[in-house]
Amino acid sequence: MTENANSNSNLAVLIDGDNIPSAHVKEMMEEIAKYGNPTIKRIYGDWTSPHLSKWKNMLLQNAITPIQQYAYTSGKNATDSAMIIDAMDILYSEKVNGFCLVSSDSDFTKLATRLREAGMQVIGIGEKKTPNPFIVACDRFIYIEILKRQTVKKESVSQKGKVKESIDEVTPKVISFISSTISDLSDEDGWAFLGDVGSLLRKKQPNFDSRNYGFEKLTPLIKSIGKFDIEQRENSKSRHKLIFVKNIEKRTSKRKKH
C-alpha cells in the first residue's frame, strides 16, 4: 500500500470504545474516508457501562456496529483482546486492504506491527497522549485533537467569532527534519518533488501532519518557515502544476583581500 489516500481500498475500522472520546466521531469517519472505503466499522466496549452512553447515539448515525465485551476480570482490558482477535479474523478473511485502529492505547502496538507485516496499510487515530511505540508501528497516525480543532474552527467561522488555536510550534528540530528529508530526495540541483517529500516525512514519522502546526497542507507550512525555495512546474499529465522544494543554500560572505 502507498502512503497516499486510495479511495478504492477497503478498510476495517476498529474502535476502542473504552479509550476514545465520542465527541468527534463524525469528523473521524470523514478523515478515514480520505484513505479508503470503511467497509467494516466496529466499536468495542462494555455497553452495560454508563461510561459508553455518549457513544450510543453516534453509532446509528455513523453505521458503526457495537461489539459487547464484558470486563470479566477487574483490572484487565477485555476490549483489547476482542479487537485483536477480530482484527486477525478480518485479516485472514482477505476482505480488506487496510486497517484503521482507533485508540490511544499502546497495547495495540504489536497488532499494528503484525498487520503491516501481512502487507496491510495501518492508520492509527488517537489522542496526543498516545505512546510513541504505537504511533511508529502505524503507516500514518492522526491526532484526534486535529479533528477537534477543525470542528471548532468551522463553528467559529459560522458564528463569525475567533478562537485561539492550540497548535504545535515549528521548532528548529522540525525544520531540520524537513530539510534533511528534502536532501534525501533531492536531485543534483537540490530540488525534490513535494509529493515525495510528504510521503517520506510520514514514513520516517507517522504522526507528522502539517495540521499539527496549523496548516491544512504541507506547501503553506514549508512557505511559512522561510528556509526553502519553492518552484511550480508544468505537468504534462494534468492541469495541476507540480511543486518542487529546495533547501536555501547558506550564503557565506567572503572577506575582500587587500
C-alpha atoms as a PDB file:
ATOM      1  CA  MET A   1       0.000   0.000   0.000  1.00  0.00           C
ATOM      2  CA  THR A   2       1.199   3.528  -0.700  1.00  0.00           C
ATOM      3  CA  GLU A   3       1.209   6.451   1.703  1.00  0.00           C
ATOM      4  CA  ASN A   4      -1.344   8.299  -0.390  1.00  0.00           C
ATOM      5  CA  ALA A   5      -5.070   8.057   0.005  1.00  0.00           C
ATOM      6  CA  ASN A   6      -6.652   5.360  -2.138  1.00  0.00           C
ATOM      7  CA  SER A   7     -10.416   5.616  -2.393  1.00  0.00           C
ATOM      8  CA  ASN A   8     -10.577   2.083  -3.849  1.00  0.00           C
ATOM      9  CA  SER A   9      -9.112   0.488  -0.712  1.00  0.00           C
ATOM     10  CA  ASN A  10     -11.439  -1.364   1.644  1.00  0.00           C
ATOM     11  CA  LEU A  11     -10.710  -0.555   5.280  1.00  0.00           C
ATOM     12  CA  ALA A  12     -11.638  -2.195   8.567  1.00  0.00           C
ATOM     13  CA  VAL A  13     -12.232   0.444  11.243  1.00  0.00           C
ATOM     14  CA  LEU A  14     -11.833  -0.935  14.767  1.00  0.00           C
ATOM     15  CA  ILE A  15     -12.512   1.482  17.639  1.00  0.00           C
ATOM     16  CA  ASP A  16     -11.510   1.062  21.278  1.00  0.00           C
ATOM     17  CA  GLY A  17     -14.644   2.490  22.902  1.00  0.00           C
ATOM     18  CA  ASP A  18     -13.077   2.436  26.363  1.00  0.00           C
ATOM     19  CA  ASN A  19     -10.217   4.642  25.241  1.00  0.00           C
ATOM     20  CA  ILE A  20     -11.589   7.147  22.712  1.00  0.00           C
ATOM     21  CA  PRO A  21     -13.999  10.092  23.269  1.00  0.00           C
ATOM     22  CA  SER A  22     -17.186  10.067  21.221  1.00  0.00           C
ATOM     23  CA  ALA A  23     -17.367  13.825  20.622  1.00  0.00           C
ATOM     24  CA  HIS A  24     -15.754  13.885  17.172  1.00  0.00           C
ATOM     25  CA  VAL A  25     -16.668  10.547  15.620  1.00  0.00           C
ATOM     26  CA  LYS A  26     -18.262  12.244  12.579  1.00  0.00           C
ATOM     27  CA  GLU A  27     -15.057  14.131  11.787  1.00  0.00           C
ATOM     28  CA  MET A  28     -13.077  10.967  12.439  1.00  0.00           C
ATOM     29  CA  MET A  29     -15.096   8.973   9.900  1.00  0.00           C
ATOM     30  CA  GLU A  30     -14.731  11.779   7.335  1.00  0.00           C
ATOM     31  CA  GLU A  31     -10.953  11.649   7.841  1.00  0.00           C
ATOM     32  CA  ILE A  32     -10.868   7.865   7.423  1.00  0.00           C
ATOM     33  CA  ALA A  33     -12.826   8.162   4.152  1.00  0.00           C
ATOM     34  CA  LYS A  34      -9.838  10.012   2.647  1.00  0.00           C
ATOM     35  CA  TYR A  35      -7.825   6.783   2.805  1.00  0.00           C
ATOM     36  CA  GLY A  36     -10.388   4.277   1.594  1.00  0.00           C
ATOM     37  CA  ASN A  37     -13.856   2.828   1.935  1.00  0.00           C
ATOM     38  CA  PRO A  38     -14.622   1.776   5.540  1.00  0.00           C
ATOM     39  CA  THR A  39     -16.482  -1.445   4.746  1.00  0.00           C
ATOM     40  CA  ILE A  40     -16.178  -2.802   8.307  1.00  0.00           C
ATOM     41  CA  LYS A  41     -16.863  -0.451  11.240  1.00  0.00           C
ATOM     42  CA  ARG A  42     -16.869  -1.876  14.750  1.00  0.00           C
ATOM     43  CA  ILE A  43     -16.530  -0.417  18.228  1.00  0.00           C
ATOM     44  CA  TYR A  44     -15.657  -2.490  21.283  1.00  0.00           C
ATOM     45  CA  GLY A  45     -16.627  -1.992  24.903  1.00  0.00           C
ATOM     46  CA  ASP A  46     -18.939  -2.946  27.758  1.00  0.00           C
ATOM     47  CA  TRP A  47     -22.214  -1.389  26.643  1.00  0.00           C
ATOM     48  CA  THR A  48     -23.805  -2.003  30.040  1.00  0.00           C
ATOM     49  CA  SER A  49     -21.406   0.619  31.425  1.00  0.00           C
ATOM     50  CA  PRO A  50     -22.578   4.263  31.760  1.00  0.00           C
ATOM     51  CA  HIS A  51     -19.121   5.258  30.552  1.00  0.00           C
ATOM     52  CA  LEU A  52     -20.112   4.427  26.952  1.00  0.00           C
ATOM     53  CA  SER A  53     -23.576   6.025  26.994  1.00  0.00           C
ATOM     54  CA  LYS A  54     -22.452   9.001  24.865  1.00  0.00           C
ATOM     55  CA  TRP A  55     -21.410   6.629  22.079  1.00  0.00           C
ATOM     56  CA  LYS A  56     -24.845   5.057  21.608  1.00  0.00           C
ATOM     57  CA  ASN A  57     -26.460   7.826  19.523  1.00  0.00           C
ATOM     58  CA  MET A  58     -23.305   8.155  17.423  1.00  0.00           C
ATOM     59  CA  LEU A  59     -23.371   4.503  16.363  1.00  0.00           C
ATOM     60  CA  LEU A  60     -26.620   4.682  14.384  1.00  0.00           C
ATOM     61  CA  GLN A  61     -25.662   7.975  12.750  1.00  0.00           C
ATOM     62  CA  ASN A  62     -22.365   6.537  11.506  1.00  0.00           C
ATOM     63  CA  ALA A  63     -23.379   2.886  10.922  1.00  0.00           C
ATOM     64  CA  ILE A  64     -20.867   1.556  13.445  1.00  0.00           C
ATOM     65  CA  THR A  65     -21.533  -1.916  14.861  1.00  0.00           C
ATOM     66  CA  PRO A  66     -21.154  -2.187  18.659  1.00  0.00           C
ATOM     67  CA  ILE A  67     -19.404  -5.311  19.941  1.00  0.00           C
ATOM     68  CA  GLN A  68     -20.268  -6.201  23.516  1.00  0.00           C
ATOM     69  CA  GLN A  69     -17.291  -7.152  25.628  1.00  0.00           C
ATOM     70  CA  TYR A  70     -17.786  -7.744  29.338  1.00  0.00           C
ATOM     71  CA  ALA A  71     -14.976  -6.958  31.761  1.00  0.00           C
ATOM     72  CA  TYR A  72     -14.565 -10.487  33.099  1.00  0.00           C
ATOM     73  CA  THR A  73     -11.734  -9.608  35.459  1.00  0.00           C
ATOM     74  CA  SER A  74     -11.121  -6.353  37.288  1.00  0.00           C
ATOM     75  CA  GLY A  75      -8.039  -4.536  36.011  1.00  0.00           C
ATOM     76  CA  LYS A  76      -7.875  -6.465  32.731  1.00  0.00           C
ATOM     77  CA  ASN A  77      -8.855  -4.848  29.426  1.00  0.00           C
ATOM     78  CA  ALA A  78     -11.029  -7.384  27.625  1.00  0.00           C
ATOM     79  CA  THR A  79     -11.763  -4.843  24.886  1.00  0.00           C
ATOM     80  CA  ASP A  80      -8.156  -5.000  23.685  1.00  0.00           C
ATOM     81  CA  SER A  81      -8.276  -8.776  23.362  1.00  0.00           C
ATOM     82  CA  ALA A  82     -11.570  -8.718  21.458  1.00  0.00           C
ATOM     83  CA  MET A  83     -10.266  -6.127  18.988  1.00  0.00           C
ATOM     84  CA  ILE A  84      -7.069  -8.068  18.393  1.00  0.00           C
ATOM     85  CA  ILE A  85      -8.897 -11.349  17.792  1.00  0.00           C
ATOM     86  CA  ASP A  86     -11.344  -9.686  15.390  1.00  0.00           C
ATOM     87  CA  ALA A  87      -8.518  -7.942  13.544  1.00  0.00           C
ATOM     88  CA  MET A  88      -6.773 -11.246  12.880  1.00  0.00           C
ATOM     89  CA  ASP A  89     -10.038 -12.857  11.722  1.00  0.00           C
ATOM     90  CA  ILE A  90     -10.610  -9.954   9.319  1.00  0.00           C
ATOM     91  CA  LEU A  91      -7.013 -10.172   8.101  1.00  0.00           C
ATOM     92  CA  TYR A  92      -7.377 -13.836   7.139  1.00  0.00           C
ATOM     93  CA  SER A  93     -10.773 -13.205   5.522  1.00  0.00           C
ATOM     94  CA  GLU A  94      -8.915 -11.133   2.869  1.00  0.00           C
ATOM     95  CA  LYS A  95     -11.856  -8.728   2.612  1.00  0.00           C
ATOM     96  CA  VAL A  96      -9.891  -5.535   3.281  1.00  0.00           C
ATOM     97  CA  ASN A  97      -6.707  -3.810   2.120  1.00  0.00           C
ATOM     98  CA  GLY A  98      -6.039  -1.921   5.311  1.00  0.00           C
ATOM     99  CA  PHE A  99      -6.991  -1.237   8.915  1.00  0.00           C
ATOM    100  CA  CYS A 100      -7.759   1.854  10.941  1.00  0.00           C
ATOM    101  CA  LEU A 101      -7.085   1.280  14.631  1.00  0.00           C
ATOM    102  CA  VAL A 102      -8.712   3.963  16.770  1.00  0.00           C
ATOM    103  CA  SER A 103      -7.153   4.010  20.217  1.00  0.00           C
ATOM    104  CA  SER A 104      -4.624   5.832  22.377  1.00  0.00           C
ATOM    105  CA  ASP A 105      -3.504   2.558  23.949  1.00  0.00           C
ATOM    106  CA  SER A 106      -0.007   1.184  23.378  1.00  0.00           C
ATOM    107  CA  ASP A 107      -1.387  -2.362  23.752  1.00  0.00           C
ATOM    108  CA  PHE A 108      -2.172  -2.283  20.017  1.00  0.00           C
ATOM    109  CA  THR A 109       1.472  -1.777  19.023  1.00  0.00           C
ATOM    110  CA  LYS A 110       2.071  -5.455  18.319  1.00  0.00           C
ATOM    111  CA  LEU A 111      -1.206  -5.724  16.372  1.00  0.00           C
ATOM    112  CA  ALA A 112      -0.270  -2.786  14.127  1.00  0.00           C
ATOM    113  CA  THR A 113       3.145  -4.324  13.517  1.00  0.00           C
ATOM    114  CA  ARG A 114       1.644  -7.724  12.673  1.00  0.00           C
ATOM    115  CA  LEU A 115      -0.897  -6.256  10.240  1.00  0.00           C
ATOM    116  CA  ARG A 116       1.818  -4.304   8.407  1.00  0.00           C
ATOM    117  CA  GLU A 117       3.941  -7.446   8.186  1.00  0.00           C
ATOM    118  CA  ALA A 118       0.981  -9.006   6.358  1.00  0.00           C
ATOM    119  CA  GLY A 119       1.041  -6.184   3.799  1.00  0.00           C
ATOM    120  CA  MET A 120      -1.814  -4.164   5.265  1.00  0.00           C
ATOM    121  CA  GLN A 121      -1.872  -0.398   5.421  1.00  0.00           C
ATOM    122  CA  VAL A 122      -2.396   0.621   9.059  1.00  0.00           C
ATOM    123  CA  ILE A 123      -3.747   4.037  10.009  1.00  0.00           C
ATOM    124  CA  GLY A 124      -3.836   4.942  13.672  1.00  0.00           C
ATOM    125  CA  ILE A 125      -6.096   7.562  15.238  1.00  0.00           C
ATOM    126  CA  GLY A 126      -5.745   8.626  18.850  1.00  0.00           C
ATOM    127  CA  GLU A 127      -5.125  11.461  21.261  1.00  0.00           C
ATOM    128  CA  LYS A 128      -1.773  13.195  21.696  1.00  0.00           C
ATOM    129  CA  LYS A 129      -1.212  11.173  24.859  1.00  0.00           C
ATOM    130  CA  THR A 130      -0.751   8.048  22.680  1.00  0.00           C
ATOM    131  CA  PRO A 131       2.595   6.349  23.454  1.00  0.00           C
ATOM    132  CA  ASN A 132       5.182   6.601  20.684  1.00  0.00           C
ATOM    133  CA  PRO A 133       5.608   2.808  20.146  1.00  0.00           C
ATOM    134  CA  PHE A 134       2.017   2.560  18.850  1.00  0.00           C
ATOM    135  CA  ILE A 135       2.428   5.677  16.700  1.00  0.00           C
ATOM    136  CA  VAL A 136       5.567   4.431  14.923  1.00  0.00           C
ATOM    137  CA  ALA A 137       4.022   0.978  14.412  1.00  0.00           C
ATOM    138  CA  CYS A 138       1.440   2.567  12.054  1.00  0.00           C
ATOM    139  CA  ASP A 139       1.903   3.793   8.480  1.00  0.00           C
ATOM    140  CA  ARG A 140       0.215   7.034   9.480  1.00  0.00           C
ATOM    141  CA  PHE A 141      -1.048   8.368  12.795  1.00  0.00           C
ATOM    142  CA  ILE A 142      -3.626  11.159  13.093  1.00  0.00           C
ATOM    143  CA  TYR A 143      -4.341  13.049  16.289  1.00  0.00           C
ATOM    144  CA  ILE A 144      -7.961  13.488  17.356  1.00  0.00           C
ATOM    145  CA  GLU A 145      -7.042  16.991  18.538  1.00  0.00           C
ATOM    146  CA  ILE A 146      -6.581  17.985  14.866  1.00  0.00           C
ATOM    147  CA  LEU A 147     -10.132  16.914  14.046  1.00  0.00           C
ATOM    148  CA  LYS A 148     -11.422  18.693  17.151  1.00  0.00           C
ATOM    149  CA  ARG A 149      -9.630  21.896  16.147  1.00  0.00           C
ATOM    150  CA  GLN A 150     -11.102  21.769  12.634  1.00  0.00           C
ATOM    151  CA  THR A 151     -14.610  21.483  14.098  1.00  0.00           C
ATOM    152  CA  VAL A 152     -14.057  24.413  16.458  1.00  0.00           C
ATOM    153  CA  LYS A 153     -12.671  26.482  13.567  1.00  0.00           C
ATOM    154  CA  LYS A 154     -15.733  25.774  11.395  1.00  0.00           C
ATOM    155  CA  GLU A 155     -18.059  26.698  14.248  1.00  0.00           C
ATOM    156  CA  SER A 156     -16.180  29.937  14.919  1.00  0.00           C
ATOM    157  CA  VAL A 157     -16.397  30.904  11.221  1.00  0.00           C
ATOM    158  CA  SER A 158     -20.138  30.211  11.104  1.00  0.00           C
ATOM    159  CA  GLN A 159     -20.598  32.301  14.255  1.00  0.00           C
ATOM    160  CA  LYS A 160     -18.180  34.998  12.984  1.00  0.00           C
ATOM    161  CA  GLY A 161     -16.088  34.566  16.076  1.00  0.00           C
ATOM    162  CA  LYS A 162     -12.432  33.958  16.738  1.00  0.00           C
ATOM    163  CA  VAL A 163     -10.919  31.010  18.544  1.00  0.00           C
ATOM    164  CA  LYS A 164      -7.431  30.678  19.965  1.00  0.00           C
ATOM    165  CA  GLU A 165      -5.914  27.546  18.494  1.00  0.00           C
ATOM    166  CA  SER A 166      -3.613  25.222  20.375  1.00  0.00           C
ATOM    167  CA  ILE A 167      -1.030  24.234  17.785  1.00  0.00           C
ATOM    168  CA  ASP A 168       2.439  22.746  17.877  1.00  0.00           C
ATOM    169  CA  GLU A 169       5.417  25.053  17.456  1.00  0.00           C
ATOM    170  CA  VAL A 170       7.586  24.720  14.361  1.00  0.00           C
ATOM    171  CA  THR A 171      10.822  24.123  16.228  1.00  0.00           C
ATOM    172  CA  PRO A 172      14.380  24.003  14.813  1.00  0.00           C
ATOM    173  CA  LYS A 173      14.113  20.215  15.170  1.00  0.00           C
ATOM    174  CA  VAL A 174      11.044  20.169  12.877  1.00  0.00           C
ATOM    175  CA  ILE A 175      12.792  22.417  10.350  1.00  0.00           C
ATOM    176  CA  SER A 176      15.872  20.189  10.393  1.00  0.00           C
ATOM    177  CA  PHE A 177      13.659  17.125   9.895  1.00  0.00           C
ATOM    178  CA  ILE A 178      12.058  18.649   6.785  1.00  0.00           C
ATOM    179  CA  SER A 179      15.411  19.884   5.485  1.00  0.00           C
ATOM    180  CA  SER A 180      17.133  16.515   5.807  1.00  0.00           C
ATOM    181  CA  THR A 181      14.197  14.790   4.106  1.00  0.00           C
ATOM    182  CA  ILE A 182      14.424  17.174   1.161  1.00  0.00           C
ATOM    183  CA  SER A 183      18.155  16.418   0.952  1.00  0.00           C
ATOM    184  CA  ASP A 184      17.412  12.683   0.936  1.00  0.00           C
ATOM    185  CA  LEU A 185      15.267  13.088  -2.190  1.00  0.00           C
ATOM    186  CA  SER A 186      16.929  15.989  -3.999  1.00  0.00           C
ATOM    187  CA  ASP A 187      18.390  15.801  -7.496  1.00  0.00           C
ATOM    188  CA  GLU A 188      21.819  17.140  -8.429  1.00  0.00           C
ATOM    189  CA  ASP A 189      20.429  20.681  -8.390  1.00  0.00           C
ATOM    190  CA  GLY A 190      18.930  20.250  -4.918  1.00  0.00           C
ATOM    191  CA  TRP A 191      15.251  20.064  -5.964  1.00  0.00           C
ATOM    192  CA  ALA A 192      12.830  17.445  -4.613  1.00  0.00           C
ATOM    193  CA  PHE A 193       9.216  16.740  -5.608  1.00  0.00           C
ATOM    194  CA  LEU A 194       6.972  17.864  -2.728  1.00  0.00           C
ATOM    195  CA  GLY A 195       4.702  14.811  -3.010  1.00  0.00           C
ATOM    196  CA  ASP A 196       7.684  12.529  -2.413  1.00  0.00           C
ATOM    197  CA  VAL A 197       8.858  14.711   0.467  1.00  0.00           C
ATOM    198  CA  GLY A 198       5.465  14.431   2.176  1.00  0.00           C
ATOM    199  CA  SER A 199       5.429  10.651   1.786  1.00  0.00           C
ATOM    200  CA  LEU A 200       8.941  10.243   3.188  1.00  0.00           C
ATOM    201  CA  LEU A 201       8.202  12.565   6.125  1.00  0.00           C
ATOM    202  CA  ARG A 202       5.302  10.286   7.113  1.00  0.00           C
ATOM    203  CA  LYS A 203       7.357   7.139   6.612  1.00  0.00           C
ATOM    204  CA  LYS A 204      10.011   8.499   8.931  1.00  0.00           C
ATOM    205  CA  GLN A 205       7.499   9.916  11.420  1.00  0.00           C
ATOM    206  CA  PRO A 206       3.919   8.562  11.040  1.00  0.00           C
ATOM    207  CA  ASN A 207       2.386  11.343  13.162  1.00  0.00           C
ATOM    208  CA  PHE A 208       3.887  14.125  11.027  1.00  0.00           C
ATOM    209  CA  ASP A 209       0.981  16.249   9.798  1.00  0.00           C
ATOM    210  CA  SER A 210       1.020  19.873   8.668  1.00  0.00           C
ATOM    211  CA  ARG A 211      -2.278  20.331  10.540  1.00  0.00           C
ATOM    212  CA  ASN A 212      -0.395  19.811  13.816  1.00  0.00           C
ATOM    213  CA  TYR A 213       1.212  23.192  13.102  1.00  0.00           C
ATOM    214  CA  GLY A 214      -1.963  24.962  11.984  1.00  0.00           C
ATOM    215  CA  PHE A 215      -1.635  24.429   8.206  1.00  0.00           C
ATOM    216  CA  GLU A 216      -4.076  22.407   6.116  1.00  0.00           C
ATOM    217  CA  LYS A 217      -1.390  21.410   3.602  1.00  0.00           C
ATOM    218  CA  LEU A 218       2.366  20.884   3.514  1.00  0.00           C
ATOM    219  CA  THR A 219       3.038  23.670   0.983  1.00  0.00           C
ATOM    220  CA  PRO A 220       1.900  26.592   3.195  1.00  0.00           C
ATOM    221  CA  LEU A 221       3.777  25.068   6.158  1.00  0.00           C
ATOM    222  CA  ILE A 222       7.016  24.995   4.162  1.00  0.00           C
ATOM    223  CA  LYS A 223       6.405  28.535   2.835  1.00  0.00           C
ATOM    224  CA  SER A 224       5.886  29.834   6.375  1.00  0.00           C
ATOM    225  CA  ILE A 225       9.273  28.557   7.532  1.00  0.00           C
ATOM    226  CA  GLY A 226      11.171  30.711   5.038  1.00  0.00           C
ATOM    227  CA  LYS A 227      14.161  28.394   4.688  1.00  0.00           C
ATOM    228  CA  PHE A 228      13.110  26.620   1.494  1.00  0.00           C
ATOM    229  CA  ASP A 229      12.750  27.606  -2.154  1.00  0.00           C
ATOM    230  CA  ILE A 230       9.507  26.536  -3.840  1.00  0.00           C
ATOM    231  CA  GLU A 231       9.046  26.123  -7.582  1.00  0.00           C
ATOM    232  CA  GLN A 232       5.948  25.239  -9.600  1.00  0.00           C
ATOM    233  CA  ARG A 233       6.415  23.278 -12.820  1.00  0.00           C
ATOM    234  CA  GLU A 234       4.054  22.397 -15.633  1.00  0.00           C
ATOM    235  CA  ASN A 235       2.575  18.900 -15.542  1.00  0.00           C
ATOM    236  CA  SER A 236       2.097  17.242 -18.938  1.00  0.00           C
ATOM    237  CA  LYS A 237      -0.356  14.725 -17.482  1.00  0.00           C
ATOM    238  CA  SER A 238      -2.601  17.118 -15.562  1.00  0.00           C
ATOM    239  CA  ARG A 239      -3.660  20.742 -15.349  1.00  0.00           C
ATOM    240  CA  HIS A 240      -2.336  20.810 -11.773  1.00  0.00           C
ATOM    241  CA  LYS A 241       1.208  22.063 -11.514  1.00  0.00           C
ATOM    242  CA  LEU A 242       3.944  20.057  -9.824  1.00  0.00           C
ATOM    243  CA  ILE A 243       5.542  21.611  -6.759  1.00  0.00           C
ATOM    244  CA  PHE A 244       9.257  21.186  -6.040  1.00  0.00           C
ATOM    245  CA  VAL A 245      11.173  22.326  -2.963  1.00  0.00           C
ATOM    246  CA  LYS A 246      14.809  23.016  -2.237  1.00  0.00           C
ATOM    247  CA  ASN A 247      16.876  23.900   0.791  1.00  0.00           C
ATOM    248  CA  ILE A 248      18.044  27.511   0.600  1.00  0.00           C
ATOM    249  CA  GLU A 249      21.814  27.464   0.475  1.00  0.00           C
ATOM    250  CA  LYS A 250      23.570  29.345   3.222  1.00  0.00           C
ATOM    251  CA  ARG A 251      25.389  32.265   1.702  1.00  0.00           C
ATOM    252  CA  THR A 252      28.735  32.938   3.336  1.00  0.00           C
ATOM    253  CA  SER A 253      30.201  36.373   2.808  1.00  0.00           C
ATOM    254  CA  LYS A 254      33.773  36.430   1.535  1.00  0.00           C
ATOM    255  CA  ARG A 255      36.127  38.979   3.033  1.00  0.00           C
ATOM    256  CA  LYS A 256      37.979  41.110   0.481  1.00  0.00           C
ATOM    257  CA  LYS A 257      41.720  40.743   0.364  1.00  0.00           C
ATOM    258  CA  HIS A 258      43.764  43.914   0.077  1.00  0.00           C
END
